[in-house]
Amino acid sequence: MAEETKSQRPAAPEQMQVPVDESHIVATYANFCRVTGTPEELIVDFGLNKQVGGTSPETIQLTQRIIVNFFTAKRLAYALGMAVQRHEQAFGVLETDVQKRVVHQQSTKA
C-alpha cells in the first residue's frame, strides 16, 4: 500500500545546474553594507569600515553596488539565510550586536 502511495505522488522537480563562467570574477572583502531601493529594485552597497571602535566615524568608502529586482532579492535572502543557518549549526550562534560580543568575550576571559 505504501508503494502505491509513493508512485501516485508527483515527482519533485529536479534542480537544474546552471553553467556559470567565473573567469572574470573579482572578489572584494566588505564588512559594511547599506540597503536602499526603489519600488522596482533593491540596491545593496558594500564597503570597508576601517574603524574598529571609537566615537567619531570615518567616512566609509563604498566599493561595490549590486542592483537586483525583488524576486532575485528574495531568492538571495533565502540563500543567505540557509548559509547562515548551516554555519550556526556547525559553529554556534552569530551575535550581530558588537557590544554584546565584546561583553561576552571580556566575561569569558575573567
PDB file of N, CA and C in Angstrom:
ATOM      1  N   MET A   1       0.827  -1.197   0.000  1.00  0.00           N
ATOM      2  CA  MET A   1       0.000   0.000   0.000  1.00  0.00           C
ATOM      3  C   MET A   1       0.868   1.257   0.000  1.00  0.00           C
ATOM      4  N   ALA A   2       1.931   1.246   0.802  1.00  0.00           N
ATOM      5  CA  ALA A   2       2.820   2.405   0.834  1.00  0.00           C
ATOM      6  C   ALA A   2       3.487   2.610  -0.516  1.00  0.00           C
ATOM      7  N   GLU A   3       3.803   1.533  -1.203  1.00  0.00           N
ATOM      8  CA  GLU A   3       4.431   1.636  -2.515  1.00  0.00           C
ATOM      9  C   GLU A   3       3.484   2.308  -3.513  1.00  0.00           C
ATOM     10  N   GLU A   4       2.191   1.993  -3.425  1.00  0.00           N
ATOM     11  CA  GLU A   4       1.223   2.592  -4.339  1.00  0.00           C
ATOM     12  C   GLU A   4       1.114   4.095  -4.095  1.00  0.00           C
ATOM     13  N   THR A   5       1.111   4.507  -2.826  1.00  0.00           N
ATOM     14  CA  THR A   5       1.001   5.922  -2.488  1.00  0.00           C
ATOM     15  C   THR A   5       2.195   6.689  -3.010  1.00  0.00           C
ATOM     16  N   LYS A   6       3.397   6.117  -2.859  1.00  0.00           N
ATOM     17  CA  LYS A   6       4.602   6.782  -3.341  1.00  0.00           C
ATOM     18  C   LYS A   6       4.558   6.965  -4.853  1.00  0.00           C
ATOM     19  N   SER A   7       4.096   5.957  -5.568  1.00  0.00           N
ATOM     20  CA  SER A   7       4.107   6.041  -7.028  1.00  0.00           C
ATOM     21  C   SER A   7       3.042   7.004  -7.545  1.00  0.00           C
ATOM     22  N   GLN A   8       2.001   7.284  -6.761  1.00  0.00           N
ATOM     23  CA  GLN A   8       0.946   8.186  -7.194  1.00  0.00           C
ATOM     24  C   GLN A   8       1.300   9.653  -6.954  1.00  0.00           C
ATOM     25  N   ARG A   9       2.262   9.928  -6.072  1.00  0.00           N
ATOM     26  CA  ARG A   9       2.673  11.307  -5.810  1.00  0.00           C
ATOM     27  C   ARG A   9       3.449  11.864  -6.993  1.00  0.00           C
ATOM     28  N   PRO A  10       3.229  13.138  -7.309  1.00  0.00           N
ATOM     29  CA  PRO A  10       4.023  13.727  -8.394  1.00  0.00           C
ATOM     30  C   PRO A  10       5.483  13.829  -7.967  1.00  0.00           C
ATOM     31  N   ALA A  11       6.354  13.604  -8.901  1.00  0.00           N
ATOM     32  CA  ALA A  11       7.789  13.663  -8.615  1.00  0.00           C
ATOM     33  C   ALA A  11       8.195  15.105  -8.327  1.00  0.00           C
ATOM     34  N   ALA A  12       9.090  15.287  -7.368  1.00  0.00           N
ATOM     35  CA  ALA A  12       9.599  16.630  -7.059  1.00  0.00           C
ATOM     36  C   ALA A  12      10.439  17.113  -8.233  1.00  0.00           C
ATOM     37  N   PRO A  13      10.289  18.374  -8.591  1.00  0.00           N
ATOM     38  CA  PRO A  13      11.088  18.874  -9.723  1.00  0.00           C
ATOM     39  C   PRO A  13      12.572  18.859  -9.370  1.00  0.00           C
ATOM     40  N   GLU A  14      13.379  18.407 -10.304  1.00  0.00           N
ATOM     41  CA  GLU A  14      14.821  18.375 -10.081  1.00  0.00           C
ATOM     42  C   GLU A  14      15.392  19.756 -10.322  1.00  0.00           C
ATOM     43  N   GLN A  15      16.364  20.143  -9.482  1.00  0.00           N
ATOM     44  CA  GLN A  15      17.008  21.430  -9.682  1.00  0.00           C
ATOM     45  C   GLN A  15      18.026  21.292 -10.797  1.00  0.00           C
ATOM     46  N   MET A  16      17.946  22.216 -11.740  1.00  0.00           N
ATOM     47  CA  MET A  16      18.858  22.199 -12.868  1.00  0.00           C
ATOM     48  C   MET A  16      20.113  22.996 -12.509  1.00  0.00           C
ATOM     49  N   GLN A  17      21.259  22.443 -12.781  1.00  0.00           N
ATOM     50  CA  GLN A  17      22.513  23.145 -12.564  1.00  0.00           C
ATOM     51  C   GLN A  17      22.736  24.102 -13.727  1.00  0.00           C
ATOM     52  N   VAL A  18      22.849  25.378 -13.405  1.00  0.00           N
ATOM     53  CA  VAL A  18      23.057  26.394 -14.429  1.00  0.00           C
ATOM     54  C   VAL A  18      24.554  26.586 -14.604  1.00  0.00           C
ATOM     55  N   PRO A  19      25.082  26.465 -15.821  1.00  0.00           N
ATOM     56  CA  PRO A  19      26.515  26.679 -16.021  1.00  0.00           C
ATOM     57  C   PRO A  19      26.874  28.146 -15.791  1.00  0.00           C
ATOM     58  N   VAL A  20      27.998  28.373 -15.117  1.00  0.00           N
ATOM     59  CA  VAL A  20      28.458  29.735 -14.856  1.00  0.00           C
ATOM     60  C   VAL A  20      29.906  29.884 -15.308  1.00  0.00           C
ATOM     61  N   ASP A  21      30.268  31.098 -15.701  1.00  0.00           N
ATOM     62  CA  ASP A  21      31.635  31.417 -16.106  1.00  0.00           C
ATOM     63  C   ASP A  21      32.232  32.325 -15.043  1.00  0.00           C
ATOM     64  N   GLU A  22      33.204  31.844 -14.280  1.00  0.00           N
ATOM     65  CA  GLU A  22      33.834  32.612 -13.209  1.00  0.00           C
ATOM     66  C   GLU A  22      35.168  33.222 -13.631  1.00  0.00           C
ATOM     67  N   SER A  23      35.458  33.237 -14.920  1.00  0.00           N
ATOM     68  CA  SER A  23      36.775  33.687 -15.374  1.00  0.00           C
ATOM     69  C   SER A  23      36.996  35.195 -15.185  1.00  0.00           C
ATOM     70  N   HIS A  24      35.928  35.981 -15.049  1.00  0.00           N
ATOM     71  CA  HIS A  24      36.077  37.431 -14.890  1.00  0.00           C
ATOM     72  C   HIS A  24      35.643  37.915 -13.502  1.00  0.00           C
ATOM     73  N   ILE A  25      35.501  36.989 -12.565  1.00  0.00           N
ATOM     74  CA  ILE A  25      35.010  37.358 -11.239  1.00  0.00           C
ATOM     75  C   ILE A  25      36.082  38.115 -10.453  1.00  0.00           C
ATOM     76  N   VAL A  26      35.644  39.107  -9.694  1.00  0.00           N
ATOM     77  CA  VAL A  26      36.530  39.888  -8.837  1.00  0.00           C
ATOM     78  C   VAL A  26      36.013  39.746  -7.415  1.00  0.00           C
ATOM     79  N   ALA A  27      36.862  39.323  -6.508  1.00  0.00           N
ATOM     80  CA  ALA A  27      36.466  39.166  -5.110  1.00  0.00           C
ATOM     81  C   ALA A  27      36.915  40.393  -4.319  1.00  0.00           C
ATOM     82  N   THR A  28      36.008  40.935  -3.531  1.00  0.00           N
ATOM     83  CA  THR A  28      36.290  42.097  -2.704  1.00  0.00           C
ATOM     84  C   THR A  28      35.733  41.828  -1.314  1.00  0.00           C
ATOM     85  N   TYR A  29      36.509  42.141  -0.281  1.00  0.00           N
ATOM     86  CA  TYR A  29      36.040  41.972   1.090  1.00  0.00           C
ATOM     87  C   TYR A  29      35.229  43.191   1.508  1.00  0.00           C
ATOM     88  N   ALA A  30      34.133  42.968   2.213  1.00  0.00           N
ATOM     89  CA  ALA A  30      33.325  44.052   2.753  1.00  0.00           C
ATOM     90  C   ALA A  30      32.852  43.670   4.147  1.00  0.00           C
ATOM     91  N   ASN A  31      32.885  44.631   5.059  1.00  0.00           N
ATOM     92  CA  ASN A  31      32.324  44.400   6.390  1.00  0.00           C
ATOM     93  C   ASN A  31      31.233  45.431   6.685  1.00  0.00           C
ATOM     94  N   PHE A  32      30.787  46.116   5.648  1.00  0.00           N
ATOM     95  CA  PHE A  32      29.719  47.112   5.759  1.00  0.00           C
ATOM     96  C   PHE A  32      28.812  46.975   4.551  1.00  0.00           C
ATOM     97  N   CYS A  33      27.517  47.073   4.773  1.00  0.00           N
ATOM     98  CA  CYS A  33      26.597  47.127   3.643  1.00  0.00           C
ATOM     99  C   CYS A  33      25.451  48.070   3.967  1.00  0.00           C
ATOM    100  N   ARG A  34      24.910  48.652   2.919  1.00  0.00           N
ATOM    101  CA  ARG A  34      23.774  49.573   3.036  1.00  0.00           C
ATOM    102  C   ARG A  34      22.754  49.134   2.003  1.00  0.00           C
ATOM    103  N   VAL A  35      21.501  49.044   2.436  1.00  0.00           N
ATOM    104  CA  VAL A  35      20.437  48.602   1.539  1.00  0.00           C
ATOM    105  C   VAL A  35      19.464  49.757   1.322  1.00  0.00           C
ATOM    106  N   THR A  36      19.254  50.108   0.068  1.00  0.00           N
ATOM    107  CA  THR A  36      18.273  51.113  -0.312  1.00  0.00           C
ATOM    108  C   THR A  36      17.496  50.555  -1.500  1.00  0.00           C
ATOM    109  N   GLY A  37      16.612  51.323  -2.052  1.00  0.00           N
ATOM    110  CA  GLY A  37      15.909  50.791  -3.199  1.00  0.00           C
ATOM    111  C   GLY A  37      14.836  51.700  -3.727  1.00  0.00           C
ATOM    112  N   THR A  38      14.193  51.200  -4.749  1.00  0.00           N
ATOM    113  CA  THR A  38      13.062  51.845  -5.392  1.00  0.00           C
ATOM    114  C   THR A  38      11.918  50.837  -5.364  1.00  0.00           C
ATOM    115  N   PRO A  39      10.740  51.208  -5.817  1.00  0.00           N
ATOM    116  CA  PRO A  39       9.660  50.222  -5.866  1.00  0.00           C
ATOM    117  C   PRO A  39       9.966  49.017  -6.774  1.00  0.00           C
ATOM    118  N   GLU A  40      10.903  49.175  -7.706  1.00  0.00           N
ATOM    119  CA  GLU A  40      11.209  48.087  -8.642  1.00  0.00           C
ATOM    120  C   GLU A  40      12.494  47.343  -8.324  1.00  0.00           C
ATOM    121  N   GLU A  41      13.441  47.983  -7.610  1.00  0.00           N
ATOM    122  CA  GLU A  41      14.770  47.397  -7.442  1.00  0.00           C
ATOM    123  C   GLU A  41      15.267  47.555  -6.014  1.00  0.00           C
ATOM    124  N   LEU A  42      16.164  46.667  -5.663  1.00  0.00           N
ATOM    125  CA  LEU A  42      16.851  46.734  -4.381  1.00  0.00           C
ATOM    126  C   LEU A  42      18.310  47.030  -4.675  1.00  0.00           C
ATOM    127  N   ILE A  43      18.876  48.001  -3.981  1.00  0.00           N
ATOM    128  CA  ILE A  43      20.264  48.405  -4.197  1.00  0.00           C
ATOM    129  C   ILE A  43      21.048  48.086  -2.936  1.00  0.00           C
ATOM    130  N   VAL A  44      22.097  47.288  -3.070  1.00  0.00           N
ATOM    131  CA  VAL A  44      22.941  46.918  -1.934  1.00  0.00           C
ATOM    132  C   VAL A  44      24.351  47.413  -2.229  1.00  0.00           C
ATOM    133  N   ASP A  45      24.824  48.332  -1.379  1.00  0.00           N
ATOM    134  CA  ASP A  45      26.175  48.876  -1.496  1.00  0.00           C
ATOM    135  C   ASP A  45      27.064  48.212  -0.461  1.00  0.00           C
ATOM    136  N   PHE A  46      28.303  47.902  -0.854  1.00  0.00           N
ATOM    137  CA  PHE A  46      29.261  47.264   0.038  1.00  0.00           C
ATOM    138  C   PHE A  46      30.499  48.138   0.176  1.00  0.00           C
ATOM    139  N   GLY A  47      31.118  48.082   1.342  1.00  0.00           N
ATOM    140  CA  GLY A  47      32.334  48.847   1.569  1.00  0.00           C
ATOM    141  C   GLY A  47      33.106  48.295   2.750  1.00  0.00           C
ATOM    142  N   LEU A  48      34.196  48.975   3.065  1.00  0.00           N
ATOM    143  CA  LEU A  48      35.069  48.551   4.157  1.00  0.00           C
ATOM    144  C   LEU A  48      35.043  49.599   5.255  1.00  0.00           C
ATOM    145  N   ASN A  49      34.602  49.192   6.443  1.00  0.00           N
ATOM    146  CA  ASN A  49      34.616  50.048   7.620  1.00  0.00           C
ATOM    147  C   ASN A  49      35.919  49.769   8.353  1.00  0.00           C
ATOM    148  N   LYS A  50      36.869  50.694   8.274  1.00  0.00           N
ATOM    149  CA  LYS A  50      38.188  50.502   8.884  1.00  0.00           C
ATOM    150  C   LYS A  50      38.192  50.807  10.376  1.00  0.00           C
ATOM    151  N   GLN A  51      37.153  51.435  10.857  1.00  0.00           N
ATOM    152  CA  GLN A  51      37.082  51.829  12.259  1.00  0.00           C
ATOM    153  C   GLN A  51      36.724  50.619  13.120  1.00  0.00           C
ATOM    154  N   VAL A  52      37.608  50.288  14.055  1.00  0.00           N
ATOM    155  CA  VAL A  52      37.369  49.157  14.952  1.00  0.00           C
ATOM    156  C   VAL A  52      36.489  49.596  16.113  1.00  0.00           C
ATOM    157  N   GLY A  53      36.733  50.748  16.655  1.00  0.00           N
ATOM    158  CA  GLY A  53      35.945  51.272  17.766  1.00  0.00           C
ATOM    159  C   GLY A  53      36.106  52.770  17.812  1.00  0.00           C
ATOM    160  N   GLY A  54      35.489  53.390  18.757  1.00  0.00           N
ATOM    161  CA  GLY A  54      35.622  54.832  18.886  1.00  0.00           C
ATOM    162  C   GLY A  54      34.302  55.531  18.674  1.00  0.00           C
ATOM    163  N   THR A  55      34.334  56.851  18.793  1.00  0.00           N
ATOM    164  CA  THR A  55      33.095  57.613  18.723  1.00  0.00           C
ATOM    165  C   THR A  55      32.934  58.405  17.434  1.00  0.00           C
ATOM    166  N   SER A  56      34.031  58.793  16.789  1.00  0.00           N
ATOM    167  CA  SER A  56      33.897  59.588  15.561  1.00  0.00           C
ATOM    168  C   SER A  56      34.063  58.691  14.342  1.00  0.00           C
ATOM    169  N   PRO A  57      32.964  58.479  13.609  1.00  0.00           N
ATOM    170  CA  PRO A  57      33.045  57.567  12.461  1.00  0.00           C
ATOM    171  C   PRO A  57      33.826  58.158  11.297  1.00  0.00           C
ATOM    172  N   GLU A  58      34.651  57.342  10.701  1.00  0.00           N
ATOM    173  CA  GLU A  58      35.335  57.718   9.459  1.00  0.00           C
ATOM    174  C   GLU A  58      34.352  57.545   8.311  1.00  0.00           C
ATOM    175  N   THR A  59      34.620  58.214   7.216  1.00  0.00           N
ATOM    176  CA  THR A  59      33.808  58.012   6.026  1.00  0.00           C
ATOM    177  C   THR A  59      34.104  56.618   5.475  1.00  0.00           C
ATOM    178  N   ILE A  60      33.063  55.879   5.200  1.00  0.00           N
ATOM    179  CA  ILE A  60      33.223  54.531   4.649  1.00  0.00           C
ATOM    180  C   ILE A  60      33.185  54.630   3.134  1.00  0.00           C
ATOM    181  N   GLN A  61      34.254  54.171   2.508  1.00  0.00           N
ATOM    182  CA  GLN A  61      34.350  54.181   1.049  1.00  0.00           C
ATOM    183  C   GLN A  61      33.591  52.979   0.502  1.00  0.00           C
ATOM    184  N   LEU A  62      32.520  53.223  -0.226  1.00  0.00           N
ATOM    185  CA  LEU A  62      31.774  52.137  -0.849  1.00  0.00           C
ATOM    186  C   LEU A  62      32.512  51.699  -2.102  1.00  0.00           C
ATOM    187  N   THR A  63      32.616  50.380  -2.295  1.00  0.00           N
ATOM    188  CA  THR A  63      33.398  49.860  -3.406  1.00  0.00           C
ATOM    189  C   THR A  63      32.587  49.029  -4.407  1.00  0.00           C
ATOM    190  N   GLN A  64      31.460  48.507  -3.985  1.00  0.00           N
ATOM    191  CA  GLN A  64      30.669  47.652  -4.869  1.00  0.00           C
ATOM    192  C   GLN A  64      29.193  47.986  -4.711  1.00  0.00           C
ATOM    193  N   ARG A  65      28.440  47.892  -5.802  1.00  0.00           N
ATOM    194  CA  ARG A  65      26.989  48.081  -5.757  1.00  0.00           C
ATOM    195  C   ARG A  65      26.355  46.950  -6.556  1.00  0.00           C
ATOM    196  N   ILE A  66      25.394  46.299  -5.927  1.00  0.00           N
ATOM    197  CA  ILE A  66      24.621  45.251  -6.589  1.00  0.00           C
ATOM    198  C   ILE A  66      23.183  45.748  -6.667  1.00  0.00           C
ATOM    199  N   ILE A  67      22.608  45.699  -7.854  1.00  0.00           N
ATOM    200  CA  ILE A  67      21.224  46.115  -8.045  1.00  0.00           C
ATOM    201  C   ILE A  67      20.457  44.901  -8.552  1.00  0.00           C
ATOM    202  N   VAL A  68      19.407  44.541  -7.824  1.00  0.00           N
ATOM    203  CA  VAL A  68      18.617  43.364  -8.204  1.00  0.00           C
ATOM    204  C   VAL A  68      17.137  43.714  -8.128  1.00  0.00           C
ATOM    205  N   ASN A  69      16.324  42.929  -8.835  1.00  0.00           N
ATOM    206  CA  ASN A  69      14.883  43.085  -8.683  1.00  0.00           C
ATOM    207  C   ASN A  69      14.465  42.358  -7.403  1.00  0.00           C
ATOM    208  N   PHE A  70      13.237  42.563  -6.959  1.00  0.00           N
ATOM    209  CA  PHE A  70      12.820  41.994  -5.685  1.00  0.00           C
ATOM    210  C   PHE A  70      12.662  40.476  -5.720  1.00  0.00           C
ATOM    211  N   PHE A  71      12.432  39.885  -6.881  1.00  0.00           N
ATOM    212  CA  PHE A  71      12.376  38.435  -6.985  1.00  0.00           C
ATOM    213  C   PHE A  71      13.757  37.844  -6.700  1.00  0.00           C
ATOM    214  N   THR A  72      14.780  38.431  -7.317  1.00  0.00           N
ATOM    215  CA  THR A  72      16.149  37.983  -7.080  1.00  0.00           C
ATOM    216  C   THR A  72      16.556  38.257  -5.635  1.00  0.00           C
ATOM    217  N   ALA A  73      16.141  39.405  -5.090  1.00  0.00           N
ATOM    218  CA  ALA A  73      16.457  39.744  -3.701  1.00  0.00           C
ATOM    219  C   ALA A  73      15.872  38.707  -2.750  1.00  0.00           C
ATOM    220  N   LYS A  74      14.667  38.253  -3.024  1.00  0.00           N
ATOM    221  CA  LYS A  74      14.042  37.245  -2.153  1.00  0.00           C
ATOM    222  C   LYS A  74      14.787  35.919  -2.238  1.00  0.00           C
ATOM    223  N   ARG A  75      15.189  35.533  -3.439  1.00  0.00           N
ATOM    224  CA  ARG A  75      15.967  34.297  -3.582  1.00  0.00           C
ATOM    225  C   ARG A  75      17.314  34.427  -2.881  1.00  0.00           C
ATOM    226  N   LEU A  76      17.946  35.606  -2.988  1.00  0.00           N
ATOM    227  CA  LEU A  76      19.215  35.863  -2.316  1.00  0.00           C
ATOM    228  C   LEU A  76      19.040  35.812  -0.800  1.00  0.00           C
ATOM    229  N   ALA A  77      17.987  36.434  -0.286  1.00  0.00           N
ATOM    230  CA  ALA A  77      17.722  36.428   1.151  1.00  0.00           C
ATOM    231  C   ALA A  77      17.558  34.993   1.659  1.00  0.00           C
ATOM    232  N   TYR A  78      16.848  34.170   0.904  1.00  0.00           N
ATOM    233  CA  TYR A  78      16.656  32.774   1.290  1.00  0.00           C
ATOM    234  C   TYR A  78      17.989  32.022   1.280  1.00  0.00           C
ATOM    235  N   ALA A  79      18.782  32.207   0.233  1.00  0.00           N
ATOM    236  CA  ALA A  79      20.069  31.510   0.127  1.00  0.00           C
ATOM    237  C   ALA A  79      21.019  31.944   1.247  1.00  0.00           C
ATOM    238  N   LEU A  80      21.065  33.248   1.536  1.00  0.00           N
ATOM    239  CA  LEU A  80      21.921  33.737   2.622  1.00  0.00           C
ATOM    240  C   LEU A  80      21.439  33.206   3.972  1.00  0.00           C
ATOM    241  N   GLY A  81      20.132  33.192   4.167  1.00  0.00           N
ATOM    242  CA  GLY A  81      19.570  32.654   5.416  1.00  0.00           C
ATOM    243  C   GLY A  81      19.941  31.196   5.622  1.00  0.00           C
ATOM    244  N   MET A  82      19.862  30.409   4.562  1.00  0.00           N
ATOM    245  CA  MET A  82      20.224  28.991   4.655  1.00  0.00           C
ATOM    246  C   MET A  82      21.718  28.834   4.948  1.00  0.00           C
ATOM    247  N   ALA A  83      22.566  29.649   4.318  1.00  0.00           N
ATOM    248  CA  ALA A  83      24.009  29.564   4.546  1.00  0.00           C
ATOM    249  C   ALA A  83      24.347  29.922   5.994  1.00  0.00           C
ATOM    250  N   VAL A  84      23.724  30.977   6.518  1.00  0.00           N
ATOM    251  CA  VAL A  84      23.976  31.378   7.909  1.00  0.00           C
ATOM    252  C   VAL A  84      23.459  30.299   8.864  1.00  0.00           C
ATOM    253  N   GLN A  85      22.310  29.737   8.575  1.00  0.00           N
ATOM    254  CA  GLN A  85      21.751  28.687   9.421  1.00  0.00           C
ATOM    255  C   GLN A  85      22.690  27.477   9.490  1.00  0.00           C
ATOM    256  N   ARG A  86      23.231  27.063   8.357  1.00  0.00           N
ATOM    257  CA  ARG A  86      24.179  25.932   8.348  1.00  0.00           C
ATOM    258  C   ARG A  86      25.442  26.286   9.133  1.00  0.00           C
ATOM    259  N   HIS A  87      25.935  27.524   8.976  1.00  0.00           N
ATOM    260  CA  HIS A  87      27.125  27.958   9.713  1.00  0.00           C
ATOM    261  C   HIS A  87      26.870  27.924  11.229  1.00  0.00           C
ATOM    262  N   GLU A  88      25.714  28.442  11.648  1.00  0.00           N
ATOM    263  CA  GLU A  88      25.397  28.468  13.076  1.00  0.00           C
ATOM    264  C   GLU A  88      25.192  27.069  13.640  1.00  0.00           C
ATOM    265  N   GLN A  89      24.665  26.164  12.846  1.00  0.00           N
ATOM    266  CA  GLN A  89      24.513  24.790  13.307  1.00  0.00           C
ATOM    267  C   GLN A  89      25.869  24.147  13.539  1.00  0.00           C
ATOM    268  N   ALA A  90      26.838  24.502  12.712  1.00  0.00           N
ATOM    269  CA  ALA A  90      28.171  23.915  12.832  1.00  0.00           C
ATOM    270  C   ALA A  90      29.033  24.616  13.878  1.00  0.00           C
ATOM    271  N   PHE A  91      28.899  25.948  14.011  1.00  0.00           N
ATOM    272  CA  PHE A  91      29.846  26.715  14.819  1.00  0.00           C
ATOM    273  C   PHE A  91      29.218  27.523  15.949  1.00  0.00           C
ATOM    274  N   GLY A  92      27.908  27.553  16.058  1.00  0.00           N
ATOM    275  CA  GLY A  92      27.248  28.322  17.108  1.00  0.00           C
ATOM    276  C   GLY A  92      26.627  29.599  16.567  1.00  0.00           C
ATOM    277  N   VAL A  93      25.795  30.201  17.397  1.00  0.00           N
ATOM    278  CA  VAL A  93      25.033  31.389  17.014  1.00  0.00           C
ATOM    279  C   VAL A  93      25.966  32.578  16.796  1.00  0.00           C
ATOM    280  N   LEU A  94      25.712  33.325  15.755  1.00  0.00           N
ATOM    281  CA  LEU A  94      26.459  34.545  15.453  1.00  0.00           C
ATOM    282  C   LEU A  94      25.770  35.727  16.125  1.00  0.00           C
ATOM    283  N   GLU A  95      26.476  36.419  16.990  1.00  0.00           N
ATOM    284  CA  GLU A  95      25.932  37.611  17.645  1.00  0.00           C
ATOM    285  C   GLU A  95      26.263  38.820  16.792  1.00  0.00           C
ATOM    286  N   THR A  96      25.248  39.507  16.286  1.00  0.00           N
ATOM    287  CA  THR A  96      25.490  40.643  15.409  1.00  0.00           C
ATOM    288  C   THR A  96      25.655  41.954  16.177  1.00  0.00           C
ATOM    289  N   ASP A  97      25.266  41.989  17.445  1.00  0.00           N
ATOM    290  CA  ASP A  97      25.448  43.190  18.263  1.00  0.00           C
ATOM    291  C   ASP A  97      26.882  43.201  18.791  1.00  0.00           C
ATOM    292  N   VAL A  98      27.690  44.141  18.299  1.00  0.00           N
ATOM    293  CA  VAL A  98      29.108  44.206  18.657  1.00  0.00           C
ATOM    294  C   VAL A  98      29.286  44.363  20.166  1.00  0.00           C
ATOM    295  N   GLN A  99      28.455  45.178  20.807  1.00  0.00           N
ATOM    296  CA  GLN A  99      28.584  45.404  22.247  1.00  0.00           C
ATOM    297  C   GLN A  99      28.384  44.115  23.028  1.00  0.00           C
ATOM    298  N   LYS A 100      27.447  43.289  22.622  1.00  0.00           N
ATOM    299  CA  LYS A 100      27.219  42.014  23.299  1.00  0.00           C
ATOM    300  C   LYS A 100      28.404  41.073  23.089  1.00  0.00           C
ATOM    301  N   ARG A 101      29.007  41.109  21.891  1.00  0.00           N
ATOM    302  CA  ARG A 101      30.180  40.254  21.644  1.00  0.00           C
ATOM    303  C   ARG A 101      31.334  40.679  22.519  1.00  0.00           C
ATOM    304  N   VAL A 102      31.571  41.988  22.663  1.00  0.00           N
ATOM    305  CA  VAL A 102      32.677  42.495  23.471  1.00  0.00           C
ATOM    306  C   VAL A 102      32.462  42.122  24.923  1.00  0.00           C
ATOM    307  N   VAL A 103      31.249  42.326  25.453  1.00  0.00           N
ATOM    308  CA  VAL A 103      30.943  41.993  26.846  1.00  0.00           C
ATOM    309  C   VAL A 103      31.118  40.503  27.067  1.00  0.00           C
ATOM    310  N   HIS A 104      30.633  39.681  26.138  1.00  0.00           N
ATOM    311  CA  HIS A 104      30.744  38.225  26.266  1.00  0.00           C
ATOM    312  C   HIS A 104      32.205  37.774  26.261  1.00  0.00           C
ATOM    313  N   GLN A 105      33.013  38.326  25.359  1.00  0.00           N
ATOM    314  CA  GLN A 105      34.421  37.952  25.300  1.00  0.00           C
ATOM    315  C   GLN A 105      35.155  38.363  26.559  1.00  0.00           C
ATOM    316  N   GLN A 106      34.860  39.543  27.109  1.00  0.00           N
ATOM    317  CA  GLN A 106      35.510  40.007  28.325  1.00  0.00           C
ATOM    318  C   GLN A 106      35.118  39.154  29.515  1.00  0.00           C
ATOM    319  N   SER A 107      33.849  38.734  29.592  1.00  0.00           N
ATOM    320  CA  SER A 107      33.389  37.931  30.734  1.00  0.00           C
ATOM    321  C   SER A 107      33.941  36.505  30.676  1.00  0.00           C
ATOM    322  N   THR A 108      34.219  35.969  29.485  1.00  0.00           N
ATOM    323  CA  THR A 108      34.785  34.632  29.389  1.00  0.00           C
ATOM    324  C   THR A 108      36.264  34.607  29.707  1.00  0.00           C
ATOM    325  N   LYS A 109      36.949  35.774  29.573  1.00  0.00           N
ATOM    326  CA  LYS A 109      38.377  35.852  29.890  1.00  0.00           C
ATOM    327  C   LYS A 109      38.607  36.007  31.392  1.00  0.00           C
ATOM    328  N   ALA A 110      37.613  36.516  32.106  1.00  0.00           N
ATOM    329  CA  ALA A 110      37.767  36.789  33.543  1.00  0.00           C
ATOM    330  C   ALA A 110      37.757  35.536  34.369  1.00  0.00           C
TER     331      ALA A 110
END
